């Protein structure tokens, strides 16, 4: 798999959740006498270095560079809404760009679609009819929990999304078992180890809840990357269930694009949810 696709679909989503949980654990666990804290600190530092190296190359929708080589490999393009963005402004900008693109009679283009609510796989074929869907985005919407954002490559919606959800459920069950083993390896002596054990238990519970949701093909999909003519994209934007269509004619390569669809609960400002699954602060 291409490195940038791996970053977009696997590393960055898992890193975002991991950093939130590592940071929460560090705030609560303190200096562990058996070395748990140094391990967590080391993981956090390595994750931050990797994350910083990636983010440093990502710019908000630059014009692609064309060296007349047939291979545009300039900076990574970011499409969507980033943390701190004002949601109403993003919606208005996307709608204005789509209207201008349709007026210009442009060719088929990629676009990022954000849904008004989380939907199950069964409705996607109708919701995204008449466009080519190349990817969908999902997360299990547990209250006040930073569940992992996952991206599923798509050829056939009715087949690929359910299959990807089941594979994700398998992975989540393995993650829960790993957290169980990590918690079982603690001696249980002292308040700090008790707090760390609580952290592992909470992480296992979240992973099992995600696994159960994906196993039943949950209402977890909230965005998609599609390709269609501007006129078709405008028709798509008017459908019930579609919140916004953000056109991205600047895209030349999907493997050099990071997509950030709006989540349904993001109403005013783009912010991550609080992570109530972490042990409470004393």
C-alpha atoms as a PDB file:
ATOM      1  CA  UNK A   1       0.000   0.000   0.000  1.00  0.00           C
ATOM      2  CA  UNK A   2       1.271   3.454  -0.821  1.00  0.00           C
ATOM      3  CA  UNK A   3       2.831   5.315   2.126  1.00  0.00           C
ATOM      4  CA  UNK A   4       0.484   8.313   1.888  1.00  0.00           C
ATOM      5  CA  UNK A   5      -2.596   6.113   1.671  1.00  0.00           C
ATOM      6  CA  UNK A   6      -1.367   4.272   4.760  1.00  0.00           C
ATOM      7  CA  UNK A   7      -1.001   7.582   6.590  1.00  0.00           C
ATOM      8  CA  UNK A   8      -4.443   8.770   5.507  1.00  0.00           C
ATOM      9  CA  UNK A   9      -6.342   5.586   6.201  1.00  0.00           C
ATOM     10  CA  UNK A  10      -4.514   3.981   9.104  1.00  0.00           C
ATOM     11  CA  UNK A  11      -1.687   5.839  10.821  1.00  0.00           C
ATOM     12  CA  UNK A  12      -3.187   9.296  11.330  1.00  0.00           C
ATOM     13  CA  UNK A  13      -6.595   8.099  12.590  1.00  0.00           C
ATOM     14  CA  UNK A  14      -5.007   5.643  15.018  1.00  0.00           C
ATOM     15  CA  UNK A  15      -2.397   8.207  16.058  1.00  0.00           C
ATOM     16  CA  UNK A  16      -5.087  10.778  16.870  1.00  0.00           C
ATOM     17  CA  UNK A  17      -6.863   8.425  19.226  1.00  0.00           C
ATOM     18  CA  UNK A  18      -3.603   7.088  20.629  1.00  0.00           C
ATOM     19  CA  UNK A  19      -2.232  10.521  21.431  1.00  0.00           C
ATOM     20  CA  UNK A  20      -5.427  11.481  23.231  1.00  0.00           C
ATOM     21  CA  UNK A  21      -5.362   8.357  25.355  1.00  0.00           C
ATOM     22  CA  UNK A  22      -1.607   8.573  26.019  1.00  0.00           C
ATOM     23  CA  UNK A  23      -1.952  12.194  27.096  1.00  0.00           C
ATOM     24  CA  UNK A  24      -4.860  11.343  29.368  1.00  0.00           C
ATOM     25  CA  UNK A  25      -3.000   8.418  30.858  1.00  0.00           C
ATOM     26  CA  UNK A  26       0.081  10.540  31.544  1.00  0.00           C
ATOM     27  CA  UNK A  27      -2.022  13.160  33.305  1.00  0.00           C
ATOM     28  CA  UNK A  28      -3.586  10.559  35.536  1.00  0.00           C
ATOM     29  CA  UNK A  29      -0.941   7.913  36.094  1.00  0.00           C
ATOM     30  CA  UNK A  30       1.995  10.110  37.094  1.00  0.00           C
ATOM     31  CA  UNK A  31       5.461   8.571  37.586  1.00  0.00           C
ATOM     32  CA  UNK A  32       4.997   4.826  37.738  1.00  0.00           C
ATOM     33  CA  UNK A  33       7.598   3.042  39.910  1.00  0.00           C
ATOM     34  CA  UNK A  34       7.664  -0.037  37.665  1.00  0.00           C
ATOM     35  CA  UNK A  35       8.430   1.818  34.483  1.00  0.00           C
ATOM     36  CA  UNK A  36       4.947   2.183  32.992  1.00  0.00           C
ATOM     37  CA  UNK A  37       5.306   5.939  32.668  1.00  0.00           C
ATOM     38  CA  UNK A  38       8.622   5.869  30.754  1.00  0.00           C
ATOM     39  CA  UNK A  39       7.073   3.453  28.261  1.00  0.00           C
ATOM     40  CA  UNK A  40       4.099   5.736  27.753  1.00  0.00           C
ATOM     41  CA  UNK A  41       6.327   8.794  27.510  1.00  0.00           C
ATOM     42  CA  UNK A  42       8.487   7.080  24.914  1.00  0.00           C
ATOM     43  CA  UNK A  43       5.424   6.141  22.868  1.00  0.00           C
ATOM     44  CA  UNK A  44       4.106   9.683  23.081  1.00  0.00           C
ATOM     45  CA  UNK A  45       7.407  11.205  21.973  1.00  0.00           C
ATOM     46  CA  UNK A  46       7.767   8.832  19.023  1.00  0.00           C
ATOM     47  CA  UNK A  47       4.165   9.457  18.003  1.00  0.00           C
ATOM     48  CA  UNK A  48       4.581  13.209  18.215  1.00  0.00           C
ATOM     49  CA  UNK A  49       7.769  13.092  16.129  1.00  0.00           C
ATOM     50  CA  UNK A  50       6.055  11.009  13.448  1.00  0.00           C
ATOM     51  CA  UNK A  51       2.955  13.203  13.541  1.00  0.00           C
ATOM     52  CA  UNK A  52       5.001  16.394  13.300  1.00  0.00           C
ATOM     53  CA  UNK A  53       6.988  15.064  10.352  1.00  0.00           C
ATOM     54  CA  UNK A  54       3.751  14.326   8.533  1.00  0.00           C
ATOM     55  CA  UNK A  55       1.849  17.480   9.373  1.00  0.00           C
ATOM     56  CA  UNK A  56       4.784  19.639   8.357  1.00  0.00           C
ATOM     57  CA  UNK A  57       4.238  18.548   4.753  1.00  0.00           C
ATOM     58  CA  UNK A  58       0.459  19.020   4.708  1.00  0.00           C
ATOM     59  CA  UNK A  59      -0.900  22.317   3.439  1.00  0.00           C
ATOM     60  CA  UNK A  60      -4.454  23.483   3.079  1.00  0.00           C
ATOM     61  CA  UNK A  61      -5.356  22.911  -0.551  1.00  0.00           C
ATOM     62  CA  UNK A  62      -2.362  24.354  -2.432  1.00  0.00           C
ATOM     63  CA  UNK A  63      -2.343  24.588  -6.210  1.00  0.00           C
ATOM     64  CA  UNK A  64      -0.723  21.360  -7.470  1.00  0.00           C
ATOM     65  CA  UNK A  65       2.699  21.690  -8.982  1.00  0.00           C
ATOM     66  CA  UNK A  66       3.038  20.537 -12.575  1.00  0.00           C
ATOM     67  CA  UNK A  67       6.530  19.767 -13.781  1.00  0.00           C
ATOM     68  CA  UNK A  68       5.219  18.368 -17.072  1.00  0.00           C
ATOM     69  CA  UNK A  69       6.341  14.918 -16.007  1.00  0.00           C
ATOM     70  CA  UNK A  70       2.890  13.375 -15.811  1.00  0.00           C
ATOM     71  CA  UNK A  71       3.452  12.826 -12.093  1.00  0.00           C
ATOM     72  CA  UNK A  72       2.372  15.678  -9.839  1.00  0.00           C
ATOM     73  CA  UNK A  73       4.140  14.958  -6.563  1.00  0.00           C
ATOM     74  CA  UNK A  74       3.993  18.310  -4.819  1.00  0.00           C
ATOM     75  CA  UNK A  75       2.802  18.984  -1.303  1.00  0.00           C
ATOM     76  CA  UNK A  76       0.057  16.907   0.233  1.00  0.00           C
ATOM     77  CA  UNK A  77      -3.396  18.435  -0.259  1.00  0.00           C
ATOM     78  CA  UNK A  78      -5.787  18.648   2.693  1.00  0.00           C
ATOM     79  CA  UNK A  79      -9.508  18.708   1.914  1.00  0.00           C
ATOM     80  CA  UNK A  80     -12.109  19.313   4.607  1.00  0.00           C
ATOM     81  CA  UNK A  81     -12.375  21.022   7.974  1.00  0.00           C
ATOM     82  CA  UNK A  82      -9.476  21.092  10.440  1.00  0.00           C
ATOM     83  CA  UNK A  83      -9.559  21.513  14.215  1.00  0.00           C
ATOM     84  CA  UNK A  84     -10.436  25.090  15.080  1.00  0.00           C
ATOM     85  CA  UNK A  85     -12.240  25.858  11.823  1.00  0.00           C
ATOM     86  CA  UNK A  86     -15.629  27.564  11.997  1.00  0.00           C
ATOM     87  CA  UNK A  87     -18.201  25.110  10.671  1.00  0.00           C
ATOM     88  CA  UNK A  88     -20.637  27.684   9.154  1.00  0.00           C
ATOM     89  CA  UNK A  89     -17.770  29.338   7.284  1.00  0.00           C
ATOM     90  CA  UNK A  90     -16.581  25.983   5.950  1.00  0.00           C
ATOM     91  CA  UNK A  91     -20.086  25.073   4.779  1.00  0.00           C
ATOM     92  CA  UNK A  92     -20.555  28.421   3.028  1.00  0.00           C
ATOM     93  CA  UNK A  93     -17.150  28.239   1.340  1.00  0.00           C
ATOM     94  CA  UNK A  94     -17.749  24.705   0.073  1.00  0.00           C
ATOM     95  CA  UNK A  95     -21.155  25.590  -1.353  1.00  0.00           C
ATOM     96  CA  UNK A  96     -19.761  28.681  -3.054  1.00  0.00           C
ATOM     97  CA  UNK A  97     -16.899  26.709  -4.613  1.00  0.00           C
ATOM     98  CA  UNK A  98     -19.295  24.032  -5.866  1.00  0.00           C
ATOM     99  CA  UNK A  99     -21.566  26.635  -7.470  1.00  0.00           C
ATOM    100  CA  UNK A 100     -18.595  28.322  -9.161  1.00  0.00           C
ATOM    101  CA  UNK A 101     -17.290  25.006 -10.435  1.00  0.00           C
ATOM    102  CA  UNK A 102     -20.633  24.118 -11.977  1.00  0.00           C
ATOM    103  CA  UNK A 103     -20.812  27.508 -13.694  1.00  0.00           C
ATOM    104  CA  UNK A 104     -17.367  26.985 -15.190  1.00  0.00           C
ATOM    105  CA  UNK A 105     -18.512  23.684 -16.739  1.00  0.00           C
ATOM    106  CA  UNK A 106     -15.504  21.879 -15.344  1.00  0.00           C
ATOM    107  CA  UNK A 107     -14.753  18.207 -15.964  1.00  0.00           C
ATOM    108  CA  UNK A 108     -15.361  15.431 -13.471  1.00  0.00           C
ATOM    109  CA  UNK A 109     -13.701  16.158 -10.155  1.00  0.00           C
ATOM    110  CA  UNK A 110     -13.194  14.593  -6.765  1.00  0.00           C
ATOM    111  CA  UNK A 111     -15.171  15.917  -3.821  1.00  0.00           C
ATOM    112  CA  UNK A 112     -15.488  15.292  -0.107  1.00  0.00           C
ATOM    113  CA  UNK A 113     -19.030  14.542   1.056  1.00  0.00           C
ATOM    114  CA  UNK A 114     -20.092  15.005   4.687  1.00  0.00           C
ATOM    115  CA  UNK A 115     -23.388  13.495   5.833  1.00  0.00           C
ATOM    116  CA  UNK A 116     -25.878  15.113   8.189  1.00  0.00           C
ATOM    117  CA  UNK A 117     -25.952  12.041  10.432  1.00  0.00           C
ATOM    118  CA  UNK A 118     -24.186   8.743  10.856  1.00  0.00           C
ATOM    119  CA  UNK A 119     -25.593   6.183   8.426  1.00  0.00           C
ATOM    120  CA  UNK A 120     -25.475   2.418   8.009  1.00  0.00           C
ATOM    121  CA  UNK A 121     -23.911   0.750   4.946  1.00  0.00           C
ATOM    122  CA  UNK A 122     -27.297  -0.263   3.538  1.00  0.00           C
ATOM    123  CA  UNK A 123     -28.257   3.342   2.673  1.00  0.00           C
ATOM    124  CA  UNK A 124     -25.005   4.313   0.961  1.00  0.00           C
ATOM    125  CA  UNK A 125     -25.858   2.956  -2.478  1.00  0.00           C
ATOM    126  CA  UNK A 126     -28.933   5.169  -2.654  1.00  0.00           C
ATOM    127  CA  UNK A 127     -27.376   8.169  -0.961  1.00  0.00           C
ATOM    128  CA  UNK A 128     -24.359   8.119  -3.287  1.00  0.00           C
ATOM    129  CA  UNK A 129     -26.115   7.022  -6.462  1.00  0.00           C
ATOM    130  CA  UNK A 130     -24.806   8.349  -9.802  1.00  0.00           C
ATOM    131  CA  UNK A 131     -21.347   9.198  -8.450  1.00  0.00           C
ATOM    132  CA  UNK A 132     -18.168   7.132  -8.254  1.00  0.00           C
ATOM    133  CA  UNK A 133     -17.344   6.487  -4.602  1.00  0.00           C
ATOM    134  CA  UNK A 134     -13.696   5.735  -3.856  1.00  0.00           C
ATOM    135  CA  UNK A 135     -13.624   5.892  -0.060  1.00  0.00           C
ATOM    136  CA  UNK A 136     -15.918   6.226   2.953  1.00  0.00           C
ATOM    137  CA  UNK A 137     -15.165   7.408   6.496  1.00  0.00           C
ATOM    138  CA  UNK A 138     -16.591   5.937   9.677  1.00  0.00           C
ATOM    139  CA  UNK A 139     -16.345   6.012  13.451  1.00  0.00           C
ATOM    140  CA  UNK A 140     -18.479   4.538  16.200  1.00  0.00           C
ATOM    141  CA  UNK A 141     -20.275   7.551  17.765  1.00  0.00           C
ATOM    142  CA  UNK A 142     -19.973   6.658  21.432  1.00  0.00           C
ATOM    143  CA  UNK A 143     -20.837   9.605  23.728  1.00  0.00           C
ATOM    144  CA  UNK A 144     -17.798  11.647  24.771  1.00  0.00           C
ATOM    145  CA  UNK A 145     -15.276   9.094  23.499  1.00  0.00           C
ATOM    146  CA  UNK A 146     -12.520   9.621  20.927  1.00  0.00           C
ATOM    147  CA  UNK A 147     -13.263   6.533  18.882  1.00  0.00           C
ATOM    148  CA  UNK A 148     -10.992   5.814  15.945  1.00  0.00           C
ATOM    149  CA  UNK A 149     -11.740   7.335  12.553  1.00  0.00           C
ATOM    150  CA  UNK A 150     -11.350   4.678   9.862  1.00  0.00           C
ATOM    151  CA  UNK A 151     -11.345   4.953   6.079  1.00  0.00           C
ATOM    152  CA  UNK A 152     -12.596   2.147   3.851  1.00  0.00           C
ATOM    153  CA  UNK A 153     -11.484   2.012   0.184  1.00  0.00           C
ATOM    154  CA  UNK A 154     -14.469   1.285  -2.042  1.00  0.00           C
ATOM    155  CA  UNK A 155     -15.066  -0.349  -5.383  1.00  0.00           C
ATOM    156  CA  UNK A 156     -18.584  -1.631  -4.695  1.00  0.00           C
ATOM    157  CA  UNK A 157     -20.413   0.026  -1.796  1.00  0.00           C
ATOM    158  CA  UNK A 158     -22.754  -2.861  -1.032  1.00  0.00           C
ATOM    159  CA  UNK A 159     -19.856  -5.316  -0.722  1.00  0.00           C
ATOM    160  CA  UNK A 160     -16.777  -3.409   0.376  1.00  0.00           C
ATOM    161  CA  UNK A 161     -18.149  -1.374   3.286  1.00  0.00           C
ATOM    162  CA  UNK A 162     -19.742  -4.293   5.195  1.00  0.00           C
ATOM    163  CA  UNK A 163     -16.617  -6.391   4.621  1.00  0.00           C
ATOM    164  CA  UNK A 164     -14.379  -3.578   5.889  1.00  0.00           C
ATOM    165  CA  UNK A 165     -16.561  -3.128   8.965  1.00  0.00           C
ATOM    166  CA  UNK A 166     -16.223  -6.800   9.818  1.00  0.00           C
ATOM    167  CA  UNK A 167     -12.453  -6.661   9.412  1.00  0.00           C
ATOM    168  CA  UNK A 168     -12.392  -3.622  11.685  1.00  0.00           C
ATOM    169  CA  UNK A 169     -14.453  -5.498  14.252  1.00  0.00           C
ATOM    170  CA  UNK A 170     -11.856  -8.285  14.231  1.00  0.00           C
ATOM    171  CA  UNK A 171      -9.072  -5.762  14.747  1.00  0.00           C
ATOM    172  CA  UNK A 172     -10.901  -4.076  17.607  1.00  0.00           C
ATOM    173  CA  UNK A 173     -11.409  -7.384  19.365  1.00  0.00           C
ATOM    174  CA  UNK A 174      -7.678  -8.056  19.110  1.00  0.00           C
ATOM    175  CA  UNK A 175      -6.972  -4.580  20.514  1.00  0.00           C
ATOM    176  CA  UNK A 176      -9.291  -5.249  23.463  1.00  0.00           C
ATOM    177  CA  UNK A 177      -7.520  -8.521  24.204  1.00  0.00           C
ATOM    178  CA  UNK A 178      -4.156  -6.746  24.103  1.00  0.00           C
ATOM    179  CA  UNK A 179      -5.369  -4.123  26.605  1.00  0.00           C
ATOM    180  CA  UNK A 180      -6.618  -6.937  28.829  1.00  0.00           C
ATOM    181  CA  UNK A 181      -3.192  -8.552  28.773  1.00  0.00           C
ATOM    182  CA  UNK A 182      -1.473  -5.242  29.528  1.00  0.00           C
ATOM    183  CA  UNK A 183      -3.731  -4.677  32.511  1.00  0.00           C
ATOM    184  CA  UNK A 184      -3.267  -8.225  33.760  1.00  0.00           C
ATOM    185  CA  UNK A 185       0.491  -7.748  33.743  1.00  0.00           C
ATOM    186  CA  UNK A 186       0.321  -5.081  36.445  1.00  0.00           C
ATOM    187  CA  UNK A 187       0.978  -6.007  40.050  1.00  0.00           C
ATOM    188  CA  UNK A 188      -1.952  -3.964  41.345  1.00  0.00           C
ATOM    189  CA  UNK A 189       0.180  -2.465  44.118  1.00  0.00           C
ATOM    190  CA  UNK A 190      -0.319   1.233  44.751  1.00  0.00           C
ATOM    191  CA  UNK A 191      -2.638   3.942  43.543  1.00  0.00           C
ATOM    192  CA  UNK A 192      -0.716   4.655  40.349  1.00  0.00           C
ATOM    193  CA  UNK A 193      -0.857   1.059  39.164  1.00  0.00           C
ATOM    194  CA  UNK A 194      -4.550   1.003  39.986  1.00  0.00           C
ATOM    195  CA  UNK A 195      -5.056   4.069  37.804  1.00  0.00           C
ATOM    196  CA  UNK A 196      -3.094   2.502  34.952  1.00  0.00           C
ATOM    197  CA  UNK A 197      -5.127  -0.674  35.283  1.00  0.00           C
ATOM    198  CA  UNK A 198      -8.296   1.414  35.066  1.00  0.00           C
ATOM    199  CA  UNK A 199      -6.961   3.009  31.896  1.00  0.00           C
ATOM    200  CA  UNK A 200      -6.383  -0.374  30.243  1.00  0.00           C
ATOM    201  CA  UNK A 201      -9.823  -1.573  31.316  1.00  0.00           C
ATOM    202  CA  UNK A 202     -11.448   1.534  29.831  1.00  0.00           C
ATOM    203  CA  UNK A 203      -9.531   1.134  26.582  1.00  0.00           C
ATOM    204  CA  UNK A 204     -10.614  -2.501  26.327  1.00  0.00           C
ATOM    205  CA  UNK A 205     -14.255  -1.539  26.915  1.00  0.00           C
ATOM    206  CA  UNK A 206     -14.135   1.069  24.150  1.00  0.00           C
ATOM    207  CA  UNK A 207     -12.505  -1.359  21.713  1.00  0.00           C
ATOM    208  CA  UNK A 208     -15.138  -4.011  22.448  1.00  0.00           C
ATOM    209  CA  UNK A 209     -17.943  -1.483  22.012  1.00  0.00           C
ATOM    210  CA  UNK A 210     -16.470  -0.485  18.640  1.00  0.00           C
ATOM    211  CA  UNK A 211     -16.117  -4.134  17.628  1.00  0.00           C
ATOM    212  CA  UNK A 212     -19.740  -4.899  18.516  1.00  0.00           C
ATOM    213  CA  UNK A 213     -20.978  -1.866  16.587  1.00  0.00           C
ATOM    214  CA  UNK A 214     -19.029  -2.671  13.429  1.00  0.00           C
ATOM    215  CA  UNK A 215     -20.039  -6.330  13.670  1.00  0.00           C
ATOM    216  CA  UNK A 216     -23.706  -5.334  13.407  1.00  0.00           C
ATOM    217  CA  UNK A 217     -22.983  -2.908  10.513  1.00  0.00           C
ATOM    218  CA  UNK A 218     -23.702   0.153  12.617  1.00  0.00           C
ATOM    219  CA  UNK A 219     -24.774   3.650  11.717  1.00  0.00           C
ATOM    220  CA  UNK A 220     -21.170   4.800  11.708  1.00  0.00           C
ATOM    221  CA  UNK A 221     -20.427   6.181   8.228  1.00  0.00           C
ATOM    222  CA  UNK A 222     -20.327   9.972   8.096  1.00  0.00           C
ATOM    223  CA  UNK A 223     -18.361  10.939   4.979  1.00  0.00           C
ATOM    224  CA  UNK A 224     -17.182   9.837   1.559  1.00  0.00           C
ATOM    225  CA  UNK A 225     -14.797  10.735  -1.241  1.00  0.00           C
ATOM    226  CA  UNK A 226     -16.518  10.700  -4.622  1.00  0.00           C
ATOM    227  CA  UNK A 227     -15.898  11.682  -8.221  1.00  0.00           C
ATOM    228  CA  UNK A 228     -18.501  13.141 -10.593  1.00  0.00           C
ATOM    229  CA  UNK A 229     -19.290  16.060 -12.855  1.00  0.00           C
ATOM    230  CA  UNK A 230     -19.997  19.415 -11.138  1.00  0.00           C
ATOM    231  CA  UNK A 231     -23.656  19.188 -12.142  1.00  0.00           C
ATOM    232  CA  UNK A 232     -23.970  15.760 -10.520  1.00  0.00           C
ATOM    233  CA  UNK A 233     -22.154  16.980  -7.424  1.00  0.00           C
ATOM    234  CA  UNK A 234     -24.645  19.848  -7.094  1.00  0.00           C
ATOM    235  CA  UNK A 235     -27.497  17.372  -7.345  1.00  0.00           C
ATOM    236  CA  UNK A 236     -25.785  15.225  -4.710  1.00  0.00           C
ATOM    237  CA  UNK A 237     -25.435  18.238  -2.403  1.00  0.00           C
ATOM    238  CA  UNK A 238     -29.219  18.755  -2.527  1.00  0.00           C
ATOM    239  CA  UNK A 239     -30.090  15.223  -1.412  1.00  0.00           C
ATOM    240  CA  UNK A 240     -31.603  14.524   1.982  1.00  0.00           C
ATOM    241  CA  UNK A 241     -28.891  13.267   4.276  1.00  0.00           C
ATOM    242  CA  UNK A 242     -26.032  15.125   2.579  1.00  0.00           C
ATOM    243  CA  UNK A 243     -24.732  18.007   4.660  1.00  0.00           C
ATOM    244  CA  UNK A 244     -22.153  19.433   2.288  1.00  0.00           C
ATOM    245  CA  UNK A 245     -20.145  18.583  -0.824  1.00  0.00           C
ATOM    246  CA  UNK A 246     -16.652  20.076  -0.842  1.00  0.00           C
ATOM    247  CA  UNK A 247     -15.238  19.971  -4.400  1.00  0.00           C
ATOM    248  CA  UNK A 248     -11.517  19.459  -4.826  1.00  0.00           C
ATOM    249  CA  UNK A 249     -10.526  19.992  -8.480  1.00  0.00           C
ATOM    250  CA  UNK A 250      -6.932  20.585  -7.367  1.00  0.00           C
ATOM    251  CA  UNK A 251      -6.488  16.889  -6.563  1.00  0.00           C
ATOM    252  CA  UNK A 252      -4.227  15.023  -8.940  1.00  0.00           C
ATOM    253  CA  UNK A 253      -3.422  12.018  -6.762  1.00  0.00           C
ATOM    254  CA  UNK A 254      -5.571  10.545  -4.009  1.00  0.00           C
ATOM    255  CA  UNK A 255      -2.502   9.105  -2.326  1.00  0.00           C
ATOM    256  CA  UNK A 256      -1.269  12.653  -1.742  1.00  0.00           C
ATOM    257  CA  UNK A 257      -4.519  13.929  -0.273  1.00  0.00           C
ATOM    258  CA  UNK A 258      -5.752  13.955   3.321  1.00  0.00           C
ATOM    259  CA  UNK A 259      -9.544  14.126   3.679  1.00  0.00           C
ATOM    260  CA  UNK A 260     -11.237  15.527   6.794  1.00  0.00           C
ATOM    261  CA  UNK A 261     -15.026  15.190   6.529  1.00  0.00           C
ATOM    262  CA  UNK A 262     -17.209  16.983   9.051  1.00  0.00           C
ATOM    263  CA  UNK A 263     -18.656  14.764  11.733  1.00  0.00           C
ATOM    264  CA  UNK A 264     -22.398  15.230  12.348  1.00  0.00           C
ATOM    265  CA  UNK A 265     -21.870  16.488  15.896  1.00  0.00           C
ATOM    266  CA  UNK A 266     -19.544  19.278  14.752  1.00  0.00           C
ATOM    267  CA  UNK A 267     -21.922  22.234  14.606  1.00  0.00           C
ATOM    268  CA  UNK A 268     -20.083  25.471  15.349  1.00  0.00           C
ATOM    269  CA  UNK A 269     -16.339  24.793  15.664  1.00  0.00           C
ATOM    270  CA  UNK A 270     -14.375  21.726  14.580  1.00  0.00           C
ATOM    271  CA  UNK A 271     -13.115  20.140  17.798  1.00  0.00           C
ATOM    272  CA  UNK A 272     -12.497  16.544  18.906  1.00  0.00           C
ATOM    273  CA  UNK A 273     -14.803  15.041  21.528  1.00  0.00           C
ATOM    274  CA  UNK A 274     -13.704  14.847  25.132  1.00  0.00           C
ATOM    275  CA  UNK A 275     -12.563  11.358  26.091  1.00  0.00           C
ATOM    276  CA  UNK A 276     -14.814  10.358  28.943  1.00  0.00           C
ATOM    277  CA  UNK A 277     -13.601   6.763  28.681  1.00  0.00           C
ATOM    278  CA  UNK A 278     -10.363   7.757  30.382  1.00  0.00           C
ATOM    279  CA  UNK A 279     -10.139   7.305  34.156  1.00  0.00           C
ATOM    280  CA  UNK A 280     -11.499  10.371  35.993  1.00  0.00           C
ATOM    281  CA  UNK A 281      -9.110  12.974  37.329  1.00  0.00           C
ATOM    282  CA  UNK A 282      -8.857  12.844  41.107  1.00  0.00           C
END
